[in-house]
N, C-alpha and C. Protein backbone atom coordinates (compact mmCIF):
# COMPACT_ATOMS: atom_id res chain seq x y z
N MET A 1 27.81 37.30 55.15
CA MET A 1 28.21 37.46 53.72
C MET A 1 27.92 36.30 52.86
N LEU A 2 28.24 35.10 53.44
CA LEU A 2 28.04 33.83 52.71
C LEU A 2 26.49 33.69 52.51
N GLY A 3 25.75 34.01 53.58
CA GLY A 3 24.31 33.87 53.51
C GLY A 3 23.68 34.77 52.39
N CYS A 4 24.20 35.92 52.23
CA CYS A 4 23.72 36.86 51.20
C CYS A 4 23.99 36.33 49.86
N GLY A 5 25.23 35.73 49.65
CA GLY A 5 25.62 35.15 48.37
C GLY A 5 24.80 33.94 48.08
N GLY A 6 24.53 33.11 49.09
CA GLY A 6 23.61 31.97 48.87
C GLY A 6 22.27 32.30 48.51
N SER A 7 21.74 33.34 49.12
CA SER A 7 20.32 33.77 48.85
C SER A 7 20.29 34.30 47.40
N ARG A 8 21.30 35.08 47.05
CA ARG A 8 21.28 35.50 45.61
C ARG A 8 21.40 34.39 44.63
N ALA A 9 22.20 33.44 44.86
CA ALA A 9 22.29 32.25 44.02
C ALA A 9 20.93 31.55 43.92
N VAL A 10 20.20 31.40 45.02
CA VAL A 10 18.92 30.76 44.97
C VAL A 10 17.94 31.52 44.12
N ARG A 11 17.97 32.87 44.30
CA ARG A 11 17.10 33.68 43.43
C ARG A 11 17.40 33.57 41.99
N VAL A 12 18.68 33.52 41.67
CA VAL A 12 19.07 33.39 40.23
C VAL A 12 18.58 31.97 39.67
N ALA A 13 18.78 31.01 40.48
CA ALA A 13 18.40 29.58 40.03
C ALA A 13 16.85 29.62 39.83
N VAL A 14 16.12 30.19 40.75
CA VAL A 14 14.65 30.17 40.59
C VAL A 14 14.27 30.95 39.33
N LEU A 15 14.93 32.08 39.10
CA LEU A 15 14.59 32.91 37.95
C LEU A 15 14.87 32.07 36.66
N VAL A 16 16.00 31.42 36.59
CA VAL A 16 16.39 30.59 35.46
C VAL A 16 15.45 29.43 35.25
N ALA A 17 14.94 28.91 36.34
CA ALA A 17 14.00 27.79 36.22
C ALA A 17 12.65 28.28 35.76
N VAL A 18 12.18 29.48 36.24
CA VAL A 18 10.96 29.97 35.77
C VAL A 18 11.04 30.33 34.28
N ILE A 19 12.14 30.93 33.81
CA ILE A 19 12.39 31.31 32.42
C ILE A 19 12.35 29.98 31.53
N GLY A 20 13.01 28.95 32.05
CA GLY A 20 13.04 27.65 31.27
C GLY A 20 11.63 27.09 31.21
N VAL A 21 10.86 27.15 32.27
CA VAL A 21 9.47 26.56 32.17
C VAL A 21 8.65 27.45 31.19
N LEU A 22 8.83 28.80 31.31
CA LEU A 22 8.08 29.68 30.37
C LEU A 22 8.37 29.38 28.91
N LEU A 23 9.72 29.28 28.65
CA LEU A 23 10.08 28.96 27.29
C LEU A 23 9.55 27.57 26.79
N ALA A 24 9.53 26.54 27.65
CA ALA A 24 9.00 25.27 27.31
C ALA A 24 7.53 25.35 27.03
N VAL A 25 6.78 26.15 27.91
CA VAL A 25 5.39 26.33 27.63
C VAL A 25 5.03 26.98 26.22
N ILE A 26 5.79 28.05 26.01
CA ILE A 26 5.64 28.77 24.67
C ILE A 26 5.99 27.80 23.52
N ARG A 27 6.98 27.10 23.66
CA ARG A 27 7.44 26.13 22.63
C ARG A 27 6.31 25.05 22.31
N GLN A 28 5.78 24.58 23.35
CA GLN A 28 4.68 23.59 23.26
C GLN A 28 3.48 24.17 22.63
N TRP A 29 3.19 25.40 22.98
CA TRP A 29 2.05 26.17 22.46
C TRP A 29 2.21 26.33 20.97
N LEU A 30 3.41 26.76 20.52
CA LEU A 30 3.70 27.07 19.19
C LEU A 30 3.54 25.80 18.35
N MET A 31 3.93 24.62 18.87
CA MET A 31 3.92 23.35 18.15
C MET A 31 2.52 22.79 18.03
N SER A 32 1.63 23.10 18.98
CA SER A 32 0.32 22.58 19.02
C SER A 32 -0.89 23.42 18.48
N LYS A 33 -0.66 24.70 18.39
CA LYS A 33 -1.79 25.67 18.06
C LYS A 33 -1.99 25.59 16.50
N PRO A 34 -3.23 25.87 16.08
CA PRO A 34 -3.59 26.03 14.66
C PRO A 34 -3.11 27.31 14.14
N TYR A 35 -2.72 27.41 12.89
CA TYR A 35 -2.26 28.71 12.29
C TYR A 35 -3.22 29.06 11.12
N THR A 36 -3.24 30.39 10.91
CA THR A 36 -4.18 30.94 9.87
C THR A 36 -3.52 30.69 8.48
N PHE A 37 -2.21 30.85 8.34
CA PHE A 37 -1.58 30.78 7.07
C PHE A 37 -0.47 29.63 7.15
N SER A 38 0.03 29.40 5.97
CA SER A 38 1.16 28.39 5.80
C SER A 38 2.18 29.08 4.95
N ARG A 39 3.48 28.65 5.07
CA ARG A 39 4.48 29.16 4.24
C ARG A 39 4.22 28.76 2.77
N GLU A 40 3.71 27.53 2.60
CA GLU A 40 3.46 27.03 1.21
C GLU A 40 2.42 27.92 0.52
N GLU A 41 1.31 28.26 1.19
CA GLU A 41 0.32 29.07 0.68
C GLU A 41 0.81 30.42 0.23
N ILE A 42 1.53 31.12 1.17
CA ILE A 42 2.06 32.45 0.87
C ILE A 42 3.09 32.46 -0.27
N SER A 43 4.00 31.48 -0.31
CA SER A 43 4.96 31.37 -1.31
C SER A 43 4.42 31.12 -2.68
N ALA A 44 3.38 30.22 -2.68
CA ALA A 44 2.66 29.89 -3.94
C ALA A 44 1.94 31.12 -4.51
N LEU A 45 1.29 31.85 -3.62
CA LEU A 45 0.59 33.09 -4.04
C LEU A 45 1.62 34.03 -4.61
N ALA A 46 2.69 34.22 -3.96
CA ALA A 46 3.70 35.22 -4.38
C ALA A 46 4.35 34.73 -5.80
N ARG A 47 4.54 33.46 -5.87
CA ARG A 47 5.14 32.94 -7.21
C ARG A 47 4.20 33.24 -8.36
N GLU A 48 2.90 33.17 -8.08
CA GLU A 48 1.93 33.39 -9.21
C GLU A 48 2.10 34.81 -9.73
N HIS A 49 2.55 35.74 -8.91
CA HIS A 49 2.67 37.16 -9.37
C HIS A 49 4.10 37.59 -9.56
N ALA A 50 5.06 36.69 -9.41
CA ALA A 50 6.46 37.18 -9.60
C ALA A 50 6.70 37.52 -11.02
N GLY A 51 7.49 38.57 -11.17
CA GLY A 51 7.86 39.02 -12.61
C GLY A 51 6.94 40.16 -13.02
N LEU A 52 5.70 40.25 -12.41
CA LEU A 52 4.83 41.40 -12.69
C LEU A 52 5.51 42.69 -12.14
N ASP A 53 5.01 43.81 -12.53
CA ASP A 53 5.30 45.11 -11.92
C ASP A 53 4.96 44.85 -10.44
N TYR A 54 5.87 45.19 -9.55
CA TYR A 54 5.69 44.80 -8.09
C TYR A 54 4.49 45.47 -7.48
N GLU A 55 4.15 46.65 -7.91
CA GLU A 55 3.01 47.40 -7.30
C GLU A 55 1.66 46.64 -7.76
N VAL A 56 1.63 46.19 -8.98
CA VAL A 56 0.49 45.33 -9.47
C VAL A 56 0.45 44.05 -8.69
N ALA A 57 1.57 43.43 -8.57
CA ALA A 57 1.63 42.21 -7.82
C ALA A 57 1.14 42.32 -6.40
N PHE A 58 1.56 43.44 -5.73
CA PHE A 58 1.15 43.63 -4.36
C PHE A 58 -0.36 43.78 -4.29
N SER A 59 -0.93 44.52 -5.18
CA SER A 59 -2.47 44.77 -5.18
C SER A 59 -3.16 43.46 -5.33
N LYS A 60 -2.68 42.58 -6.32
CA LYS A 60 -3.35 41.28 -6.60
C LYS A 60 -3.19 40.37 -5.26
N ILE A 61 -2.01 40.32 -4.72
CA ILE A 61 -1.81 39.47 -3.53
C ILE A 61 -2.66 39.85 -2.36
N ILE A 62 -2.83 41.20 -2.17
CA ILE A 62 -3.64 41.63 -1.04
C ILE A 62 -5.13 41.26 -1.28
N ILE A 63 -5.51 41.43 -2.50
CA ILE A 63 -7.02 41.03 -2.82
C ILE A 63 -7.17 39.60 -2.59
N GLU A 64 -6.21 38.66 -3.04
CA GLU A 64 -6.39 37.27 -2.84
C GLU A 64 -6.35 36.84 -1.46
N LEU A 65 -5.55 37.42 -0.63
CA LEU A 65 -5.42 37.18 0.80
C LEU A 65 -6.68 37.54 1.52
N ARG A 66 -7.27 38.66 1.17
CA ARG A 66 -8.56 39.08 1.77
C ARG A 66 -9.76 38.15 1.43
N LYS A 67 -9.69 37.57 0.18
CA LYS A 67 -10.74 36.66 -0.17
C LYS A 67 -10.63 35.33 0.64
N LYS A 68 -9.32 34.92 0.78
CA LYS A 68 -9.08 33.58 1.41
C LYS A 68 -9.17 33.73 2.96
N HIS A 69 -8.85 34.80 3.51
CA HIS A 69 -8.74 35.01 4.94
C HIS A 69 -9.41 36.32 5.33
N PRO A 70 -10.75 36.34 5.20
CA PRO A 70 -11.53 37.55 5.58
C PRO A 70 -11.35 37.84 7.10
N GLY A 71 -11.14 39.19 7.39
CA GLY A 71 -11.02 39.51 8.82
C GLY A 71 -9.52 39.41 9.39
N HIS A 72 -8.59 38.92 8.55
CA HIS A 72 -7.26 38.72 9.08
C HIS A 72 -6.23 39.61 8.29
N ILE A 73 -6.70 40.36 7.28
CA ILE A 73 -5.81 41.32 6.63
C ILE A 73 -6.22 42.74 6.90
N LEU A 74 -5.30 43.57 7.24
CA LEU A 74 -5.57 44.97 7.63
C LEU A 74 -6.34 45.67 6.48
N PRO A 75 -7.26 46.61 6.77
CA PRO A 75 -8.02 47.37 5.71
C PRO A 75 -7.02 48.32 5.12
N ASP A 76 -7.40 48.83 3.88
CA ASP A 76 -6.50 49.73 3.15
C ASP A 76 -6.08 50.86 3.96
N GLU A 77 -6.98 51.49 4.71
CA GLU A 77 -6.61 52.68 5.43
C GLU A 77 -5.52 52.43 6.55
N ASP A 78 -5.30 51.21 6.84
CA ASP A 78 -4.20 50.88 7.83
C ASP A 78 -2.93 50.37 7.22
N LEU A 79 -2.93 50.20 5.88
CA LEU A 79 -1.82 49.79 5.16
C LEU A 79 -0.79 50.91 5.05
N GLN A 80 0.42 50.70 5.42
CA GLN A 80 1.40 51.79 5.53
C GLN A 80 2.81 51.26 5.25
N TRP A 81 3.57 51.91 4.44
CA TRP A 81 5.00 51.48 4.17
C TRP A 81 5.77 52.18 5.30
N VAL A 82 6.51 51.35 5.97
CA VAL A 82 7.31 51.81 7.12
C VAL A 82 8.77 51.40 6.94
N PHE A 83 9.70 52.27 7.17
CA PHE A 83 11.13 51.98 7.13
C PHE A 83 11.51 50.96 8.17
N VAL A 84 12.46 50.06 7.75
CA VAL A 84 12.98 49.07 8.74
C VAL A 84 14.46 49.22 8.69
N ASN A 85 15.04 49.59 9.81
CA ASN A 85 16.57 49.57 9.97
C ASN A 85 16.91 48.43 10.98
N ALA A 86 17.68 47.40 10.47
CA ALA A 86 18.05 46.36 11.35
C ALA A 86 19.33 45.67 10.76
N GLY A 87 20.16 45.28 11.62
CA GLY A 87 21.37 44.50 11.25
C GLY A 87 22.26 45.26 10.30
N GLY A 88 22.14 46.59 10.17
CA GLY A 88 22.99 47.34 9.29
C GLY A 88 22.28 47.65 7.89
N TRP A 89 21.21 46.94 7.63
CA TRP A 89 20.52 47.22 6.31
C TRP A 89 19.25 48.07 6.53
N MET A 90 18.77 48.61 5.44
CA MET A 90 17.58 49.48 5.46
C MET A 90 16.61 49.07 4.39
N GLY A 91 15.37 48.75 4.74
CA GLY A 91 14.28 48.52 3.81
C GLY A 91 13.05 49.08 4.21
N SER A 92 11.90 48.66 3.61
CA SER A 92 10.68 49.16 3.94
C SER A 92 9.65 48.00 3.95
N MET A 93 8.66 48.07 4.93
CA MET A 93 7.65 46.98 4.93
C MET A 93 6.34 47.57 4.92
N CYS A 94 5.36 46.75 4.51
CA CYS A 94 3.98 47.01 4.67
C CYS A 94 3.27 45.85 5.29
N LEU A 95 2.88 45.95 6.55
CA LEU A 95 2.34 44.87 7.26
C LEU A 95 0.92 44.59 6.86
N LEU A 96 0.62 43.31 6.55
CA LEU A 96 -0.72 42.92 6.07
C LEU A 96 -1.50 42.20 7.26
N HIS A 97 -0.72 41.42 8.03
CA HIS A 97 -1.32 40.57 9.11
C HIS A 97 -0.25 40.40 10.12
N ALA A 98 -0.69 40.42 11.42
CA ALA A 98 0.22 40.04 12.49
C ALA A 98 -0.57 39.54 13.69
N SER A 99 -0.05 38.56 14.30
CA SER A 99 -0.56 38.07 15.66
C SER A 99 0.61 37.81 16.51
N LEU A 100 0.40 37.11 17.53
CA LEU A 100 1.51 36.71 18.43
C LEU A 100 2.38 35.60 17.80
N THR A 101 1.82 34.94 16.80
CA THR A 101 2.52 33.72 16.28
C THR A 101 2.70 33.72 14.76
N GLU A 102 2.21 34.78 14.09
CA GLU A 102 2.33 34.83 12.57
C GLU A 102 2.32 36.23 12.12
N TYR A 103 2.94 36.42 10.94
CA TYR A 103 2.78 37.74 10.28
C TYR A 103 2.99 37.56 8.80
N VAL A 104 2.34 38.39 7.98
CA VAL A 104 2.46 38.43 6.55
C VAL A 104 2.81 39.92 6.29
N LEU A 105 3.76 40.16 5.47
CA LEU A 105 4.06 41.56 5.05
C LEU A 105 4.70 41.60 3.66
N LEU A 106 4.70 42.77 3.12
CA LEU A 106 5.35 43.11 1.90
C LEU A 106 6.65 43.83 2.27
N PHE A 107 7.71 43.46 1.59
CA PHE A 107 9.08 43.98 2.00
C PHE A 107 9.92 44.28 0.80
N GLY A 108 10.78 45.27 0.91
CA GLY A 108 11.75 45.46 -0.17
C GLY A 108 12.49 46.77 0.04
N THR A 109 13.31 47.09 -0.97
CA THR A 109 14.14 48.25 -0.90
C THR A 109 14.29 48.95 -2.28
N ALA A 110 14.38 50.26 -2.33
CA ALA A 110 14.61 51.00 -3.51
C ALA A 110 16.04 51.27 -3.78
N VAL A 111 16.92 50.90 -2.75
CA VAL A 111 18.37 51.14 -2.93
C VAL A 111 19.10 49.85 -2.52
N ASP A 112 20.35 49.65 -3.02
CA ASP A 112 21.14 48.48 -2.59
C ASP A 112 21.41 48.59 -1.06
N THR A 113 21.27 47.46 -0.45
CA THR A 113 21.45 47.45 1.00
C THR A 113 21.80 46.00 1.45
N SER A 114 22.63 45.91 2.57
CA SER A 114 22.99 44.66 3.01
C SER A 114 23.39 44.66 4.50
N GLY A 115 23.46 43.47 5.15
CA GLY A 115 23.83 43.41 6.55
C GLY A 115 23.51 42.07 7.19
N HIS A 116 23.14 42.01 8.47
CA HIS A 116 22.96 40.82 9.18
C HIS A 116 21.48 40.43 9.19
N SER A 117 21.14 39.17 8.99
CA SER A 117 19.73 38.75 8.93
C SER A 117 19.06 38.85 10.27
N GLY A 118 19.81 38.68 11.38
CA GLY A 118 19.15 38.47 12.67
C GLY A 118 18.98 36.99 12.94
N ARG A 119 18.83 36.64 14.19
CA ARG A 119 18.60 35.23 14.58
C ARG A 119 17.35 35.24 15.43
N TYR A 120 16.43 34.42 14.93
CA TYR A 120 15.07 34.56 15.49
C TYR A 120 14.51 33.26 16.15
N TRP A 121 13.47 33.40 17.00
CA TRP A 121 12.70 32.31 17.50
C TRP A 121 11.53 32.34 16.60
N ALA A 122 11.72 32.24 15.29
CA ALA A 122 10.58 32.19 14.35
C ALA A 122 11.19 31.82 13.02
N GLU A 123 10.34 31.03 12.21
CA GLU A 123 10.77 30.72 10.73
C GLU A 123 10.20 31.83 9.98
N ILE A 124 11.08 32.30 9.06
CA ILE A 124 10.73 33.43 8.14
C ILE A 124 10.96 32.92 6.64
N THR A 125 9.95 33.13 5.86
CA THR A 125 9.95 32.72 4.44
C THR A 125 9.74 33.99 3.55
N ASP A 126 10.64 34.16 2.63
CA ASP A 126 10.52 35.28 1.71
C ASP A 126 10.44 34.69 0.24
N THR A 127 9.53 35.26 -0.58
CA THR A 127 9.49 34.91 -1.93
C THR A 127 9.70 36.20 -2.73
N VAL A 128 10.62 36.15 -3.65
CA VAL A 128 11.06 37.32 -4.41
C VAL A 128 10.00 37.54 -5.60
N LEU A 129 9.58 38.84 -5.64
CA LEU A 129 8.70 39.27 -6.74
C LEU A 129 9.53 39.99 -7.82
N SER A 130 10.53 40.79 -7.43
CA SER A 130 11.34 41.52 -8.33
C SER A 130 12.72 41.70 -7.77
N GLY A 131 13.71 41.98 -8.69
CA GLY A 131 15.07 42.20 -8.25
C GLY A 131 15.79 40.90 -7.85
N THR A 132 16.85 41.11 -7.00
CA THR A 132 17.66 39.99 -6.58
C THR A 132 17.98 39.99 -5.10
N PHE A 133 18.10 38.89 -4.50
CA PHE A 133 18.43 38.80 -3.11
C PHE A 133 19.59 37.76 -2.98
N ARG A 134 20.59 38.21 -2.24
CA ARG A 134 21.77 37.39 -1.97
C ARG A 134 21.84 36.95 -0.56
N GLN A 135 22.25 35.75 -0.29
CA GLN A 135 22.33 35.27 1.05
C GLN A 135 23.63 34.44 1.28
N TRP A 136 24.35 34.73 2.37
CA TRP A 136 25.60 34.03 2.76
C TRP A 136 25.27 33.43 4.12
N LYS A 137 25.10 32.03 4.12
CA LYS A 137 24.76 31.33 5.32
C LYS A 137 25.97 31.16 6.27
N GLU A 138 25.65 31.15 7.55
CA GLU A 138 26.65 30.91 8.55
C GLU A 138 27.27 29.57 8.42
N GLY A 139 28.61 29.56 8.49
CA GLY A 139 29.41 28.30 8.37
C GLY A 139 29.76 27.88 6.99
N THR A 140 29.37 28.78 5.99
CA THR A 140 29.68 28.43 4.63
C THR A 140 30.70 29.59 4.07
N THR A 141 31.28 29.33 2.91
CA THR A 141 32.22 30.24 2.37
C THR A 141 31.68 30.75 0.98
N LYS A 142 30.45 30.42 0.59
CA LYS A 142 29.91 30.85 -0.59
C LYS A 142 28.46 31.38 -0.44
N GLY A 143 28.16 32.43 -1.20
CA GLY A 143 26.76 32.93 -1.13
C GLY A 143 25.84 32.42 -2.21
N GLU A 144 24.57 32.58 -2.06
CA GLU A 144 23.55 32.19 -3.06
C GLU A 144 22.81 33.38 -3.45
N ILE A 145 22.31 33.39 -4.71
CA ILE A 145 21.59 34.50 -5.21
C ILE A 145 20.21 34.00 -5.63
N PHE A 146 19.19 34.79 -5.34
CA PHE A 146 17.78 34.33 -5.61
C PHE A 146 17.10 35.35 -6.46
N TYR A 147 16.30 34.93 -7.43
CA TYR A 147 15.60 35.73 -8.39
C TYR A 147 14.06 35.64 -8.30
N PRO A 148 13.34 36.54 -9.02
CA PRO A 148 11.90 36.42 -8.95
C PRO A 148 11.28 35.03 -9.05
N GLY A 149 10.43 34.73 -8.11
CA GLY A 149 9.85 33.39 -8.08
C GLY A 149 10.51 32.45 -7.08
N ASP A 150 11.76 32.75 -6.66
CA ASP A 150 12.47 31.90 -5.76
C ASP A 150 12.03 32.25 -4.21
N THR A 151 12.05 31.17 -3.51
CA THR A 151 11.72 31.28 -2.13
C THR A 151 12.92 31.01 -1.18
N ILE A 152 13.08 31.85 -0.14
CA ILE A 152 14.12 31.77 0.80
C ILE A 152 13.52 31.35 2.13
N ILE A 153 14.04 30.31 2.78
CA ILE A 153 13.50 29.88 4.14
C ILE A 153 14.58 30.16 5.18
N HIS A 154 14.29 31.06 6.15
CA HIS A 154 15.22 31.35 7.16
C HIS A 154 14.67 30.55 8.48
N GLU A 155 15.36 29.46 8.75
CA GLU A 155 14.89 28.60 9.85
C GLU A 155 15.11 29.22 11.21
N VAL A 156 14.40 28.70 12.17
CA VAL A 156 14.49 29.19 13.62
C VAL A 156 16.00 29.04 14.05
N GLY A 157 16.53 30.19 14.56
CA GLY A 157 17.96 30.10 15.01
C GLY A 157 18.98 30.32 13.99
N ASP A 158 18.63 30.41 12.70
CA ASP A 158 19.62 30.66 11.69
C ASP A 158 20.16 32.08 11.73
N ALA A 159 21.34 32.36 11.19
CA ALA A 159 21.85 33.65 10.98
C ALA A 159 22.65 33.65 9.68
N THR A 160 22.42 34.74 8.82
CA THR A 160 23.08 34.79 7.53
C THR A 160 23.45 36.26 7.27
N ALA A 161 24.24 36.48 6.33
CA ALA A 161 24.52 37.80 5.78
C ALA A 161 23.51 37.92 4.61
N VAL A 162 22.86 39.08 4.43
CA VAL A 162 21.85 39.32 3.42
C VAL A 162 22.19 40.55 2.56
N GLN A 163 21.74 40.53 1.34
CA GLN A 163 21.99 41.62 0.47
C GLN A 163 20.83 41.74 -0.54
N TRP A 164 20.29 42.95 -0.64
CA TRP A 164 19.20 43.18 -1.63
C TRP A 164 19.71 44.17 -2.63
N SER A 165 19.44 43.92 -3.95
CA SER A 165 19.76 44.88 -4.96
C SER A 165 18.58 45.86 -4.92
N ALA A 166 18.88 47.17 -5.47
CA ALA A 166 17.87 48.11 -5.68
C ALA A 166 16.70 47.68 -6.49
N GLY A 167 15.45 47.86 -5.94
CA GLY A 167 14.29 47.37 -6.66
C GLY A 167 13.88 46.03 -6.34
N THR A 168 14.41 45.44 -5.27
CA THR A 168 14.00 44.07 -4.88
C THR A 168 12.79 44.15 -3.92
N TRP A 169 11.75 43.47 -4.28
CA TRP A 169 10.54 43.43 -3.50
C TRP A 169 10.08 42.00 -3.29
N MET A 170 9.59 41.66 -2.03
CA MET A 170 9.29 40.36 -1.62
C MET A 170 7.95 40.26 -0.83
N VAL A 171 7.50 39.04 -0.69
CA VAL A 171 6.38 38.73 0.15
C VAL A 171 6.94 37.88 1.30
N GLU A 172 6.72 38.33 2.50
CA GLU A 172 7.35 37.56 3.70
C GLU A 172 6.31 37.06 4.64
N TYR A 173 6.58 35.82 5.09
CA TYR A 173 5.69 35.20 6.05
C TYR A 173 6.57 34.65 7.26
N GLY A 174 6.18 35.05 8.45
CA GLY A 174 6.84 34.59 9.65
C GLY A 174 5.99 33.74 10.55
N ARG A 175 6.53 32.78 11.15
CA ARG A 175 5.75 31.91 12.06
C ARG A 175 6.67 31.60 13.24
N GLY A 176 6.16 31.81 14.44
CA GLY A 176 6.92 31.58 15.65
C GLY A 176 6.41 32.48 16.77
N PHE A 177 7.31 32.78 17.73
CA PHE A 177 6.90 33.77 18.73
C PHE A 177 7.31 35.07 18.25
N ILE A 178 6.43 35.77 17.65
CA ILE A 178 6.66 37.02 16.85
C ILE A 178 7.27 38.17 17.76
N PRO A 179 6.71 38.36 18.95
CA PRO A 179 7.23 39.40 19.79
C PRO A 179 8.78 39.23 19.98
N SER A 180 9.32 38.04 19.85
CA SER A 180 10.78 37.88 20.08
C SER A 180 11.58 38.50 18.94
N THR A 181 10.95 38.71 17.75
CA THR A 181 11.71 39.34 16.63
C THR A 181 11.71 40.83 16.68
N LEU A 182 10.93 41.45 17.59
CA LEU A 182 10.86 42.89 17.54
C LEU A 182 12.10 43.53 18.08
N GLY A 183 12.86 42.93 18.99
CA GLY A 183 14.09 43.45 19.49
C GLY A 183 15.12 43.74 18.39
N PHE A 184 15.33 42.79 17.46
CA PHE A 184 16.23 42.96 16.35
C PHE A 184 15.61 44.00 15.33
N ALA A 185 14.28 43.92 15.15
CA ALA A 185 13.64 44.72 14.13
C ALA A 185 13.73 46.16 14.48
N LEU A 186 13.68 46.49 15.84
CA LEU A 186 13.60 47.88 16.26
C LEU A 186 14.91 48.39 16.91
N ALA A 187 15.90 47.61 17.05
CA ALA A 187 17.12 47.94 17.79
C ALA A 187 17.80 49.05 17.07
N ASP A 188 18.09 49.02 15.73
CA ASP A 188 18.72 50.00 14.99
C ASP A 188 17.97 51.34 14.98
N THR A 189 16.68 51.21 14.85
CA THR A 189 15.75 52.41 14.83
C THR A 189 15.88 53.13 16.22
N PHE A 190 15.95 52.36 17.31
CA PHE A 190 15.99 52.98 18.63
C PHE A 190 17.34 53.53 19.06
N PHE A 191 18.38 52.72 18.85
CA PHE A 191 19.71 53.02 19.24
C PHE A 191 20.65 53.66 18.27
N SER A 192 20.36 53.52 16.96
CA SER A 192 21.22 54.08 15.91
C SER A 192 20.64 55.30 15.21
N THR A 193 19.61 55.07 14.48
CA THR A 193 19.05 56.11 13.73
C THR A 193 18.23 57.09 14.56
N GLN A 194 17.75 56.59 15.71
CA GLN A 194 16.91 57.39 16.64
C GLN A 194 15.73 57.99 15.88
N ASP A 195 15.20 57.27 14.95
CA ASP A 195 14.07 57.78 14.20
C ASP A 195 12.78 57.26 14.94
N PHE A 196 12.44 57.98 15.91
CA PHE A 196 11.41 57.54 16.86
C PHE A 196 10.04 57.64 16.19
N LEU A 197 9.92 58.38 15.15
CA LEU A 197 8.58 58.42 14.44
C LEU A 197 8.35 57.06 13.76
N THR A 198 9.41 56.48 13.14
CA THR A 198 9.36 55.14 12.55
C THR A 198 9.12 54.12 13.62
N PHE A 199 9.76 54.24 14.81
CA PHE A 199 9.56 53.39 15.88
C PHE A 199 8.08 53.34 16.34
N TYR A 200 7.49 54.53 16.37
CA TYR A 200 6.09 54.74 16.67
C TYR A 200 5.23 54.01 15.67
N TYR A 201 5.48 54.30 14.33
CA TYR A 201 4.66 53.71 13.25
C TYR A 201 4.78 52.13 13.32
N THR A 202 5.93 51.65 13.60
CA THR A 202 6.05 50.19 13.62
C THR A 202 5.22 49.52 14.85
N VAL A 203 5.31 50.14 16.03
CA VAL A 203 4.54 49.68 17.09
C VAL A 203 3.07 49.82 16.89
N ARG A 204 2.66 50.95 16.35
CA ARG A 204 1.22 51.29 16.10
C ARG A 204 0.54 50.27 15.11
N ILE A 205 1.32 50.02 14.01
CA ILE A 205 0.71 49.11 13.05
C ILE A 205 0.67 47.68 13.63
N TYR A 206 1.58 47.27 14.41
CA TYR A 206 1.55 45.94 15.02
C TYR A 206 0.40 45.86 15.91
N CYS A 207 0.21 46.94 16.72
CA CYS A 207 -1.00 46.94 17.70
C CYS A 207 -2.31 46.93 16.93
N LYS A 208 -2.38 47.56 15.83
CA LYS A 208 -3.62 47.57 15.01
C LYS A 208 -3.91 46.12 14.46
N ALA A 209 -2.78 45.48 14.06
CA ALA A 209 -3.01 44.09 13.62
C ALA A 209 -3.43 43.16 14.72
N LEU A 210 -2.90 43.34 15.90
CA LEU A 210 -3.28 42.56 17.03
C LEU A 210 -4.75 42.77 17.42
N LEU A 211 -5.13 44.04 17.33
CA LEU A 211 -6.60 44.38 17.66
C LEU A 211 -7.52 43.73 16.63
N LEU A 212 -7.12 43.75 15.40
CA LEU A 212 -7.94 43.16 14.26
C LEU A 212 -8.16 41.64 14.50
N GLU A 213 -7.00 40.99 14.94
CA GLU A 213 -7.11 39.54 15.19
C GLU A 213 -7.91 39.31 16.42
N ALA A 214 -7.86 40.14 17.46
CA ALA A 214 -8.71 39.91 18.64
C ALA A 214 -10.19 40.09 18.27
N ASN A 215 -10.53 41.13 17.43
CA ASN A 215 -11.86 41.37 16.96
C ASN A 215 -12.43 40.22 16.18
N THR A 216 -11.60 39.68 15.25
CA THR A 216 -12.00 38.61 14.42
C THR A 216 -12.30 37.35 15.31
N TYR A 217 -11.40 37.07 16.18
CA TYR A 217 -11.53 35.90 17.02
C TYR A 217 -12.83 36.01 17.84
N LEU A 218 -13.06 37.19 18.51
CA LEU A 218 -14.25 37.34 19.31
C LEU A 218 -15.52 37.22 18.45
N SER A 219 -15.46 37.70 17.20
CA SER A 219 -16.66 37.54 16.31
C SER A 219 -16.91 36.10 16.00
N GLU A 220 -15.80 35.40 15.68
CA GLU A 220 -15.91 33.97 15.32
C GLU A 220 -16.56 33.07 16.37
N VAL A 221 -16.18 33.46 17.64
CA VAL A 221 -16.72 32.61 18.80
C VAL A 221 -17.96 33.16 19.25
N GLY A 222 -18.65 34.16 18.59
CA GLY A 222 -19.92 34.62 18.92
C GLY A 222 -20.01 35.65 20.06
N PHE A 223 -18.87 36.24 20.41
CA PHE A 223 -18.85 37.17 21.48
C PHE A 223 -19.64 38.37 21.18
N PHE A 224 -19.57 38.85 19.93
CA PHE A 224 -20.38 39.98 19.43
C PHE A 224 -20.49 39.95 17.88
């Protein structure tokens, strides 16, 4: 009996060690790899168009990103607004770019909504184009409100309460280990709303973005 318990403890210790090494490798990779975008670039581009009609702003931002980063922004036929249910809130996103370490998307809501931000192994930056966004940071007793042109930085490991007023639209940039964010992003859809069509749309568009990145990379290195 003692031997079985000892064997199980060894297996658990080995598993913990393997996970620790894997996390350390991923962390080192994230710190050393080159990135396609920067939060400063995306925030500055969004601020240039803040205050415009949000649909006009979206169109201009997409055009500019395609000029600066050819091959990294999804084509028009793959752009799709998809519902997001997470942390108790409901919004909609249109993914423009995604890889294992970055994403750029348009995000917002047509109705008032609020909930938990999630806690990620990624830094997420949002710049408001229209409406208002309110944030209540963990460990504080007062919230902050953000207006068109303002940028909100959600650091790795942070958690906040979030609230969007109806008609709030933003440009969002995430950098980190992006697959780690999908659990929170899809949990409500899978376990609460059971809107499996939205679940399918979300996974499909992320896969399309990954394929685009793979094709662009292979073209750049002369594979084809």
